[in-house]
């Protein structure tokens, strides 16, 4: 018998090979399935961002720091293509809305730590503003990665890096 759905096996979920009706032997309803997916992705994304060594950002150039954040994010998105489908819209589920908010706040906190390590002279309010703008840029470009047939994931991330460098260079200097 197959392991319960959503258990990672060979890069895809075991549940994908089973009929949708058999999912209900493991989950009570669609909301339970969504909760299990969201919990798995929140844990995986949290682990991915916590692995970024933001403590070393002061020794990096701006470009190196941006790459240190974007390279693992691109790998995560590439390995978890349905992540964006689930997290791009929180309509209809208070649980999903809260999970997205918590994940966003975790990313913002990690980014704030990185920025404060690099530029301790910038106020917390200004750092928050820069972090929020960077998050909006990331979410907008990742939406293109899911919906665009003209741009590859690699091209999206190249452009994201370029936008971040151009936006943050006047703030953080060369």
N, C-alpha and C. Protein backbone atom coordinates (compact mmCIF):
# COMPACT_ATOMS: atom_id res chain seq x y z
N UNK A 1 0.83 -1.18 0.00
CA UNK A 1 0.00 0.00 0.00
C UNK A 1 0.88 1.24 0.00
N UNK A 2 0.42 2.25 -0.64
CA UNK A 2 1.14 3.51 -0.76
C UNK A 2 1.15 4.22 0.59
N UNK A 3 2.23 4.95 0.87
CA UNK A 3 2.28 5.77 2.08
C UNK A 3 1.18 6.82 2.01
N UNK A 4 0.76 7.37 3.13
CA UNK A 4 -0.27 8.40 3.09
C UNK A 4 0.10 9.50 2.12
N UNK A 5 -0.88 10.04 1.42
CA UNK A 5 -0.59 11.13 0.48
C UNK A 5 0.16 12.25 1.16
N UNK A 6 0.89 12.98 0.37
CA UNK A 6 1.67 14.14 0.79
C UNK A 6 3.01 13.77 1.38
N UNK A 7 3.27 12.48 1.57
CA UNK A 7 4.61 12.08 2.00
C UNK A 7 5.50 12.13 0.78
N UNK A 8 6.62 12.84 0.89
CA UNK A 8 7.50 12.99 -0.26
C UNK A 8 8.14 11.65 -0.62
N UNK A 9 8.00 11.27 -1.89
CA UNK A 9 8.65 10.07 -2.40
C UNK A 9 9.13 10.36 -3.81
N UNK A 10 10.39 10.22 -4.04
CA UNK A 10 10.98 10.39 -5.36
C UNK A 10 10.60 11.71 -6.02
N UNK A 11 10.54 12.78 -5.25
CA UNK A 11 10.31 14.08 -5.83
C UNK A 11 8.86 14.41 -6.13
N UNK A 12 7.94 13.53 -5.89
CA UNK A 12 6.53 13.85 -6.07
C UNK A 12 5.73 13.16 -4.98
N UNK A 13 4.49 13.56 -4.83
CA UNK A 13 3.70 12.99 -3.75
C UNK A 13 3.09 11.67 -4.19
N UNK A 14 3.06 10.74 -3.29
CA UNK A 14 2.48 9.44 -3.54
C UNK A 14 1.01 9.57 -3.90
N UNK A 15 0.32 10.52 -3.26
CA UNK A 15 -1.10 10.72 -3.49
C UNK A 15 -1.42 11.06 -4.92
N UNK A 16 -0.48 11.61 -5.66
CA UNK A 16 -0.72 11.99 -7.04
C UNK A 16 -1.00 10.77 -7.91
N UNK A 17 -0.54 9.61 -7.50
CA UNK A 17 -0.73 8.40 -8.29
C UNK A 17 -2.02 7.66 -7.91
N UNK A 18 -2.74 8.15 -6.92
CA UNK A 18 -3.96 7.49 -6.47
C UNK A 18 -5.18 8.28 -6.91
N UNK A 19 -6.33 7.65 -6.87
CA UNK A 19 -7.54 8.36 -7.24
C UNK A 19 -7.89 9.37 -6.15
N UNK A 20 -8.59 10.43 -6.56
CA UNK A 20 -8.92 11.47 -5.58
C UNK A 20 -9.81 10.92 -4.48
N UNK A 21 -10.66 9.95 -4.78
CA UNK A 21 -11.52 9.36 -3.76
C UNK A 21 -10.74 8.67 -2.66
N UNK A 22 -9.61 8.08 -3.02
CA UNK A 22 -8.83 7.37 -2.00
C UNK A 22 -8.12 8.33 -1.04
N UNK A 23 -8.01 9.61 -1.40
CA UNK A 23 -7.43 10.59 -0.48
C UNK A 23 -8.24 10.67 0.81
N UNK A 24 -9.54 10.42 0.69
CA UNK A 24 -10.41 10.57 1.86
C UNK A 24 -10.27 9.43 2.86
N UNK A 25 -9.47 8.41 2.53
CA UNK A 25 -9.17 7.42 3.57
C UNK A 25 -8.12 7.95 4.52
N UNK A 26 -7.41 9.01 4.09
CA UNK A 26 -6.38 9.64 4.92
C UNK A 26 -6.82 11.00 5.47
N UNK A 27 -7.75 11.67 4.77
CA UNK A 27 -8.18 13.01 5.14
C UNK A 27 -9.69 13.07 5.18
N UNK A 28 -10.22 13.82 6.13
CA UNK A 28 -11.67 13.90 6.32
C UNK A 28 -12.37 14.66 5.21
N UNK A 29 -11.70 15.70 4.67
CA UNK A 29 -12.34 16.54 3.66
C UNK A 29 -11.28 17.36 2.92
N UNK A 30 -11.72 18.22 2.00
CA UNK A 30 -10.79 19.03 1.21
C UNK A 30 -9.99 19.99 2.10
N UNK A 31 -10.63 20.54 3.11
CA UNK A 31 -9.93 21.45 4.01
C UNK A 31 -8.77 20.73 4.72
N UNK A 32 -8.98 19.47 5.09
CA UNK A 32 -7.92 18.70 5.75
C UNK A 32 -6.75 18.45 4.79
N UNK A 33 -7.07 18.22 3.53
CA UNK A 33 -6.02 18.05 2.52
C UNK A 33 -5.24 19.35 2.36
N UNK A 34 -5.96 20.46 2.24
CA UNK A 34 -5.31 21.77 2.12
C UNK A 34 -4.43 22.05 3.33
N UNK A 35 -4.94 21.78 4.52
CA UNK A 35 -4.15 22.01 5.74
C UNK A 35 -2.85 21.20 5.71
N UNK A 36 -2.93 19.95 5.30
CA UNK A 36 -1.73 19.11 5.26
C UNK A 36 -0.72 19.66 4.25
N UNK A 37 -1.19 20.08 3.08
CA UNK A 37 -0.29 20.67 2.08
C UNK A 37 0.34 21.95 2.60
N UNK A 38 -0.48 22.82 3.17
CA UNK A 38 0.01 24.09 3.68
C UNK A 38 1.04 23.86 4.78
N UNK A 39 0.77 22.97 5.70
CA UNK A 39 1.71 22.69 6.78
C UNK A 39 3.04 22.17 6.23
N UNK A 40 2.97 21.31 5.23
CA UNK A 40 4.19 20.77 4.63
C UNK A 40 5.00 21.88 3.98
N UNK A 41 4.32 22.76 3.22
CA UNK A 41 5.03 23.83 2.53
C UNK A 41 5.56 24.89 3.49
N UNK A 42 4.82 25.21 4.52
CA UNK A 42 5.29 26.19 5.50
C UNK A 42 6.57 25.66 6.18
N UNK A 43 6.56 24.40 6.54
CA UNK A 43 7.76 23.82 7.17
C UNK A 43 8.94 23.80 6.20
N UNK A 44 8.70 23.42 4.96
CA UNK A 44 9.78 23.35 3.98
C UNK A 44 10.32 24.74 3.65
N UNK A 45 9.44 25.71 3.48
CA UNK A 45 9.88 27.08 3.18
C UNK A 45 10.62 27.67 4.38
N UNK A 46 10.13 27.42 5.57
CA UNK A 46 10.81 27.90 6.77
C UNK A 46 12.21 27.33 6.89
N UNK A 47 12.34 26.05 6.63
CA UNK A 47 13.67 25.41 6.68
C UNK A 47 14.59 25.99 5.61
N UNK A 48 14.04 26.22 4.42
CA UNK A 48 14.85 26.78 3.33
C UNK A 48 15.38 28.15 3.71
N UNK A 49 14.51 29.02 4.24
CA UNK A 49 14.96 30.37 4.59
C UNK A 49 15.86 30.38 5.82
N UNK A 50 15.66 29.47 6.74
CA UNK A 50 16.53 29.44 7.92
C UNK A 50 17.93 28.94 7.58
N UNK A 51 18.06 28.23 6.46
CA UNK A 51 19.38 27.76 6.01
C UNK A 51 20.21 28.87 5.38
N UNK A 52 19.58 29.98 4.99
CA UNK A 52 20.32 31.10 4.41
C UNK A 52 21.16 31.73 5.51
N UNK A 53 22.44 31.82 5.29
CA UNK A 53 23.39 32.31 6.31
C UNK A 53 23.45 33.83 6.32
N UNK A 54 22.41 34.46 6.85
CA UNK A 54 22.34 35.91 6.85
C UNK A 54 23.40 36.56 7.73
N UNK A 55 23.96 35.79 8.65
CA UNK A 55 25.00 36.33 9.52
C UNK A 55 26.23 36.74 8.72
N UNK A 56 26.43 36.14 7.56
CA UNK A 56 27.60 36.47 6.74
C UNK A 56 27.32 37.59 5.73
N UNK A 57 26.13 38.15 5.73
CA UNK A 57 25.80 39.21 4.78
C UNK A 57 26.71 40.44 4.87
N UNK A 58 27.15 40.85 6.07
CA UNK A 58 28.02 42.03 6.11
C UNK A 58 29.32 41.86 5.32
N UNK A 59 29.77 40.63 5.14
CA UNK A 59 30.99 40.39 4.37
C UNK A 59 30.71 40.24 2.87
N UNK A 60 29.46 40.28 2.47
CA UNK A 60 29.09 40.07 1.07
C UNK A 60 28.80 41.40 0.39
N UNK A 61 28.93 41.38 -0.93
CA UNK A 61 28.45 42.52 -1.71
C UNK A 61 26.93 42.43 -1.75
N UNK A 62 26.29 43.50 -2.17
CA UNK A 62 24.83 43.49 -2.28
C UNK A 62 24.37 42.36 -3.21
N UNK A 63 25.05 42.22 -4.34
CA UNK A 63 24.69 41.18 -5.30
C UNK A 63 24.83 39.78 -4.69
N UNK A 64 25.89 39.56 -3.94
CA UNK A 64 26.08 38.25 -3.30
C UNK A 64 24.99 37.97 -2.27
N UNK A 65 24.60 38.98 -1.50
CA UNK A 65 23.54 38.80 -0.51
C UNK A 65 22.21 38.49 -1.17
N UNK A 66 21.91 39.18 -2.25
CA UNK A 66 20.66 38.93 -2.98
C UNK A 66 20.67 37.51 -3.53
N UNK A 67 21.78 37.10 -4.13
CA UNK A 67 21.87 35.73 -4.65
C UNK A 67 21.73 34.69 -3.54
N UNK A 68 22.31 34.99 -2.39
CA UNK A 68 22.23 34.05 -1.27
C UNK A 68 20.78 33.81 -0.86
N UNK A 69 19.92 34.81 -1.06
CA UNK A 69 18.50 34.65 -0.74
C UNK A 69 17.74 34.02 -1.91
N UNK A 70 18.08 34.39 -3.14
CA UNK A 70 17.29 33.97 -4.30
C UNK A 70 17.61 32.57 -4.79
N UNK A 71 18.85 32.13 -4.68
CA UNK A 71 19.21 30.79 -5.19
C UNK A 71 18.40 29.69 -4.48
N UNK A 72 18.33 29.68 -3.15
CA UNK A 72 17.52 28.63 -2.52
C UNK A 72 16.02 28.80 -2.79
N UNK A 73 15.56 30.05 -2.94
CA UNK A 73 14.15 30.27 -3.25
C UNK A 73 13.81 29.70 -4.62
N UNK A 74 14.67 29.93 -5.60
CA UNK A 74 14.43 29.39 -6.94
C UNK A 74 14.42 27.87 -6.92
N UNK A 75 15.33 27.26 -6.20
CA UNK A 75 15.35 25.80 -6.09
C UNK A 75 14.07 25.29 -5.43
N UNK A 76 13.62 26.00 -4.40
CA UNK A 76 12.38 25.61 -3.71
C UNK A 76 11.19 25.69 -4.66
N UNK A 77 11.08 26.79 -5.40
CA UNK A 77 9.97 26.96 -6.34
C UNK A 77 10.04 25.89 -7.43
N UNK A 78 11.23 25.63 -7.93
CA UNK A 78 11.39 24.62 -8.97
C UNK A 78 10.99 23.22 -8.46
N UNK A 79 11.33 22.91 -7.23
CA UNK A 79 11.03 21.60 -6.66
C UNK A 79 9.61 21.46 -6.16
N UNK A 80 8.92 22.58 -6.00
CA UNK A 80 7.57 22.58 -5.42
C UNK A 80 6.64 23.45 -6.27
N UNK A 81 6.40 23.02 -7.50
CA UNK A 81 5.65 23.82 -8.46
C UNK A 81 4.23 24.16 -8.00
N UNK A 82 3.60 23.31 -7.22
CA UNK A 82 2.24 23.60 -6.78
C UNK A 82 2.20 24.54 -5.57
N UNK A 83 3.35 24.85 -4.99
CA UNK A 83 3.42 25.78 -3.87
C UNK A 83 2.75 27.10 -4.23
N UNK A 84 3.12 27.66 -5.38
CA UNK A 84 2.60 28.97 -5.75
C UNK A 84 1.10 28.93 -6.00
N UNK A 85 0.59 27.85 -6.55
CA UNK A 85 -0.84 27.73 -6.79
C UNK A 85 -1.60 27.84 -5.47
N UNK A 86 -1.11 27.17 -4.46
CA UNK A 86 -1.77 27.18 -3.16
C UNK A 86 -1.61 28.53 -2.46
N UNK A 87 -0.41 29.09 -2.51
CA UNK A 87 -0.13 30.29 -1.72
C UNK A 87 -0.40 31.60 -2.46
N UNK A 88 -0.78 31.54 -3.71
CA UNK A 88 -1.02 32.78 -4.44
C UNK A 88 -2.40 33.35 -4.15
N UNK A 89 -3.29 32.56 -3.62
CA UNK A 89 -4.62 33.05 -3.30
C UNK A 89 -5.07 32.47 -1.97
N UNK A 90 -5.50 33.34 -1.10
CA UNK A 90 -5.94 32.87 0.20
C UNK A 90 -7.46 32.97 0.34
N UNK A 91 -8.15 33.17 -0.77
CA UNK A 91 -9.59 33.34 -0.67
C UNK A 91 -10.26 32.05 -0.23
N UNK A 92 -11.20 32.20 0.65
CA UNK A 92 -12.02 31.07 1.07
C UNK A 92 -11.49 30.26 2.24
N UNK A 93 -10.29 30.55 2.72
CA UNK A 93 -9.74 29.75 3.81
C UNK A 93 -9.02 30.65 4.81
N UNK A 94 -9.60 30.77 5.98
CA UNK A 94 -8.96 31.55 7.04
C UNK A 94 -7.63 30.92 7.44
N UNK A 95 -7.59 29.60 7.43
CA UNK A 95 -6.36 28.89 7.77
C UNK A 95 -5.23 29.25 6.79
N UNK A 96 -5.53 29.24 5.49
CA UNK A 96 -4.53 29.57 4.48
C UNK A 96 -4.11 31.03 4.59
N UNK A 97 -5.05 31.92 4.80
CA UNK A 97 -4.73 33.34 4.97
C UNK A 97 -3.76 33.53 6.13
N UNK A 98 -4.01 32.86 7.24
CA UNK A 98 -3.15 32.97 8.41
C UNK A 98 -1.78 32.34 8.14
N UNK A 99 -1.75 31.22 7.44
CA UNK A 99 -0.47 30.56 7.11
C UNK A 99 0.38 31.46 6.22
N UNK A 100 -0.24 32.11 5.25
CA UNK A 100 0.49 33.03 4.37
C UNK A 100 1.02 34.21 5.16
N UNK A 101 0.19 34.75 6.04
CA UNK A 101 0.62 35.88 6.87
C UNK A 101 1.81 35.49 7.74
N UNK A 102 1.74 34.32 8.36
CA UNK A 102 2.84 33.86 9.22
C UNK A 102 4.11 33.62 8.40
N UNK A 103 3.95 33.04 7.22
CA UNK A 103 5.12 32.79 6.38
C UNK A 103 5.74 34.11 5.91
N UNK A 104 4.90 35.07 5.52
CA UNK A 104 5.39 36.38 5.12
C UNK A 104 6.14 37.06 6.27
N UNK A 105 5.57 37.00 7.46
CA UNK A 105 6.22 37.63 8.62
C UNK A 105 7.56 36.94 8.93
N UNK A 106 7.62 35.63 8.77
CA UNK A 106 8.88 34.92 8.98
C UNK A 106 9.94 35.36 7.98
N UNK A 107 9.54 35.49 6.72
CA UNK A 107 10.47 35.94 5.68
C UNK A 107 10.90 37.38 5.95
N UNK A 108 9.95 38.23 6.33
CA UNK A 108 10.29 39.62 6.63
C UNK A 108 11.25 39.71 7.81
N UNK A 109 11.04 38.90 8.83
CA UNK A 109 11.93 38.91 10.00
C UNK A 109 13.33 38.47 9.61
N UNK A 110 13.43 37.43 8.78
CA UNK A 110 14.74 36.94 8.33
C UNK A 110 15.44 38.01 7.48
N UNK A 111 14.68 38.65 6.60
CA UNK A 111 15.23 39.70 5.77
C UNK A 111 15.66 40.89 6.63
N UNK A 112 14.85 41.21 7.63
CA UNK A 112 15.19 42.32 8.52
C UNK A 112 16.51 42.05 9.24
N UNK A 113 16.70 40.83 9.68
CA UNK A 113 17.95 40.48 10.34
C UNK A 113 19.12 40.67 9.38
N UNK A 114 18.95 40.20 8.14
CA UNK A 114 20.02 40.34 7.14
C UNK A 114 20.32 41.81 6.87
N UNK A 115 19.29 42.61 6.71
CA UNK A 115 19.50 44.03 6.42
C UNK A 115 20.11 44.76 7.61
N UNK A 116 19.67 44.41 8.82
CA UNK A 116 20.23 45.08 9.99
C UNK A 116 21.70 44.71 10.20
N UNK A 117 22.08 43.50 9.79
CA UNK A 117 23.49 43.10 9.87
C UNK A 117 24.34 43.90 8.89
N UNK A 118 23.77 44.17 7.72
CA UNK A 118 24.51 44.88 6.68
C UNK A 118 24.53 46.39 6.89
N UNK A 119 23.41 46.93 7.38
CA UNK A 119 23.30 48.39 7.55
C UNK A 119 22.58 48.70 8.85
N UNK A 120 23.33 48.68 9.93
CA UNK A 120 22.74 48.94 11.25
C UNK A 120 22.31 50.39 11.41
N UNK A 121 22.74 51.28 10.52
CA UNK A 121 22.39 52.69 10.62
C UNK A 121 21.02 53.01 10.04
N UNK A 122 20.38 52.05 9.37
CA UNK A 122 19.05 52.28 8.80
C UNK A 122 18.00 51.95 9.86
N UNK A 123 17.04 52.83 10.01
CA UNK A 123 16.01 52.63 11.04
C UNK A 123 15.17 51.39 10.75
N UNK A 124 14.59 50.86 11.81
CA UNK A 124 13.72 49.69 11.67
C UNK A 124 12.54 49.99 10.75
N UNK A 125 12.00 51.21 10.84
CA UNK A 125 10.86 51.59 9.99
C UNK A 125 11.27 51.60 8.52
N UNK A 126 12.45 52.14 8.22
CA UNK A 126 12.91 52.16 6.83
C UNK A 126 13.22 50.75 6.33
N UNK A 127 13.86 49.94 7.19
CA UNK A 127 14.12 48.54 6.78
C UNK A 127 12.81 47.84 6.46
N UNK A 128 11.81 48.02 7.29
CA UNK A 128 10.51 47.37 7.07
C UNK A 128 9.92 47.80 5.72
N UNK A 129 10.03 49.08 5.41
CA UNK A 129 9.54 49.59 4.13
C UNK A 129 10.26 48.89 2.97
N UNK A 130 11.58 48.81 3.03
CA UNK A 130 12.34 48.17 1.96
C UNK A 130 11.99 46.68 1.85
N UNK A 131 11.83 46.04 2.99
CA UNK A 131 11.49 44.61 3.01
C UNK A 131 10.11 44.36 2.39
N UNK A 132 9.15 45.21 2.73
CA UNK A 132 7.81 45.05 2.17
C UNK A 132 7.81 45.26 0.67
N UNK A 133 8.55 46.27 0.19
CA UNK A 133 8.63 46.49 -1.26
C UNK A 133 9.28 45.29 -1.94
N UNK A 134 10.34 44.76 -1.34
CA UNK A 134 10.99 43.58 -1.92
C UNK A 134 10.05 42.38 -1.94
N UNK A 135 9.22 42.23 -0.91
CA UNK A 135 8.27 41.12 -0.89
C UNK A 135 7.22 41.27 -1.99
N UNK A 136 6.73 42.49 -2.20
CA UNK A 136 5.75 42.73 -3.26
C UNK A 136 6.38 42.42 -4.62
N UNK A 137 7.61 42.83 -4.82
CA UNK A 137 8.32 42.53 -6.08
C UNK A 137 8.42 41.02 -6.26
N UNK A 138 8.84 40.33 -5.22
CA UNK A 138 9.00 38.88 -5.30
C UNK A 138 7.67 38.20 -5.65
N UNK A 139 6.61 38.58 -4.95
CA UNK A 139 5.31 37.94 -5.20
C UNK A 139 4.81 38.23 -6.60
N UNK A 140 5.00 39.44 -7.08
CA UNK A 140 4.55 39.79 -8.43
C UNK A 140 5.32 39.00 -9.48
N UNK A 141 6.62 38.91 -9.32
CA UNK A 141 7.41 38.17 -10.31
C UNK A 141 7.17 36.67 -10.21
N UNK A 142 6.97 36.14 -9.02
CA UNK A 142 6.66 34.72 -8.90
C UNK A 142 5.31 34.39 -9.52
N UNK A 143 4.37 35.34 -9.48
CA UNK A 143 3.08 35.12 -10.15
C UNK A 143 3.32 34.96 -11.65
N UNK A 144 4.27 35.70 -12.20
CA UNK A 144 4.61 35.56 -13.62
C UNK A 144 5.23 34.20 -13.91
N UNK A 145 6.00 33.69 -12.97
CA UNK A 145 6.62 32.38 -13.16
C UNK A 145 5.56 31.31 -13.31
N UNK A 146 4.46 31.47 -12.63
CA UNK A 146 3.39 30.47 -12.69
C UNK A 146 2.52 30.66 -13.94
N UNK A 147 2.30 31.90 -14.35
CA UNK A 147 1.34 32.18 -15.41
C UNK A 147 1.95 32.45 -16.78
N UNK A 148 3.22 32.69 -16.87
CA UNK A 148 3.83 33.10 -18.14
C UNK A 148 4.36 31.92 -18.93
N UNK A 149 4.06 31.92 -20.20
CA UNK A 149 4.67 30.94 -21.09
C UNK A 149 5.85 31.57 -21.82
N UNK A 150 6.05 32.87 -21.63
CA UNK A 150 7.12 33.57 -22.31
C UNK A 150 8.41 33.66 -21.51
N UNK A 151 8.30 33.58 -20.19
CA UNK A 151 9.48 33.70 -19.34
C UNK A 151 9.70 32.42 -18.57
N UNK A 152 10.92 31.96 -18.57
CA UNK A 152 11.26 30.76 -17.79
C UNK A 152 11.48 31.17 -16.33
N UNK A 153 11.51 30.18 -15.46
CA UNK A 153 11.79 30.44 -14.05
C UNK A 153 13.16 31.09 -13.89
N UNK A 154 14.13 30.63 -14.65
CA UNK A 154 15.47 31.22 -14.58
C UNK A 154 15.43 32.69 -14.98
N UNK A 155 14.69 33.02 -16.05
CA UNK A 155 14.59 34.41 -16.48
C UNK A 155 13.89 35.28 -15.44
N UNK A 156 12.84 34.74 -14.83
CA UNK A 156 12.14 35.48 -13.78
C UNK A 156 13.11 35.81 -12.64
N UNK A 157 13.90 34.83 -12.23
CA UNK A 157 14.82 35.07 -11.11
C UNK A 157 15.97 35.99 -11.51
N UNK A 158 16.41 35.95 -12.75
CA UNK A 158 17.43 36.89 -13.21
C UNK A 158 16.89 38.31 -13.14
N UNK A 159 15.64 38.49 -13.56
CA UNK A 159 15.03 39.82 -13.51
C UNK A 159 14.77 40.26 -12.07
N UNK A 160 14.38 39.34 -11.22
CA UNK A 160 14.16 39.67 -9.81
C UNK A 160 15.46 40.16 -9.19
N UNK A 161 16.54 39.47 -9.48
CA UNK A 161 17.84 39.90 -8.96
C UNK A 161 18.20 41.29 -9.47
N UNK A 162 17.98 41.54 -10.75
CA UNK A 162 18.29 42.85 -11.33
C UNK A 162 17.45 43.95 -10.69
N UNK A 163 16.18 43.69 -10.48
CA UNK A 163 15.29 44.68 -9.85
C UNK A 163 15.75 44.96 -8.43
N UNK A 164 16.06 43.91 -7.67
CA UNK A 164 16.52 44.10 -6.29
C UNK A 164 17.81 44.90 -6.25
N UNK A 165 18.75 44.59 -7.11
CA UNK A 165 20.02 45.31 -7.12
C UNK A 165 19.77 46.79 -7.42
N UNK A 166 18.95 47.06 -8.44
CA UNK A 166 18.69 48.46 -8.80
C UNK A 166 17.92 49.20 -7.72
N UNK A 167 17.02 48.52 -7.05
CA UNK A 167 16.23 49.15 -5.99
C UNK A 167 17.09 49.38 -4.74
N UNK A 168 17.89 48.41 -4.37
CA UNK A 168 18.62 48.48 -3.10
C UNK A 168 19.98 49.16 -3.21
N UNK A 169 20.55 49.27 -4.40
CA UNK A 169 21.88 49.87 -4.55
C UNK A 169 21.95 51.29 -3.98
N UNK A 170 21.00 52.16 -4.27
CA UNK A 170 21.08 53.51 -3.69
C UNK A 170 20.96 53.50 -2.16
N UNK A 171 20.29 52.51 -1.63
CA UNK A 171 20.06 52.42 -0.20
C UNK A 171 21.29 51.85 0.51
N UNK A 172 21.86 50.79 -0.08
CA UNK A 172 22.94 50.07 0.58
C UNK A 172 24.31 50.37 0.00
N UNK A 173 24.37 51.05 -1.10
CA UNK A 173 25.64 51.40 -1.70
C UNK A 173 26.29 50.22 -2.39
N UNK A 174 27.43 50.46 -2.99
CA UNK A 174 28.12 49.42 -3.77
C UNK A 174 28.65 48.33 -2.90
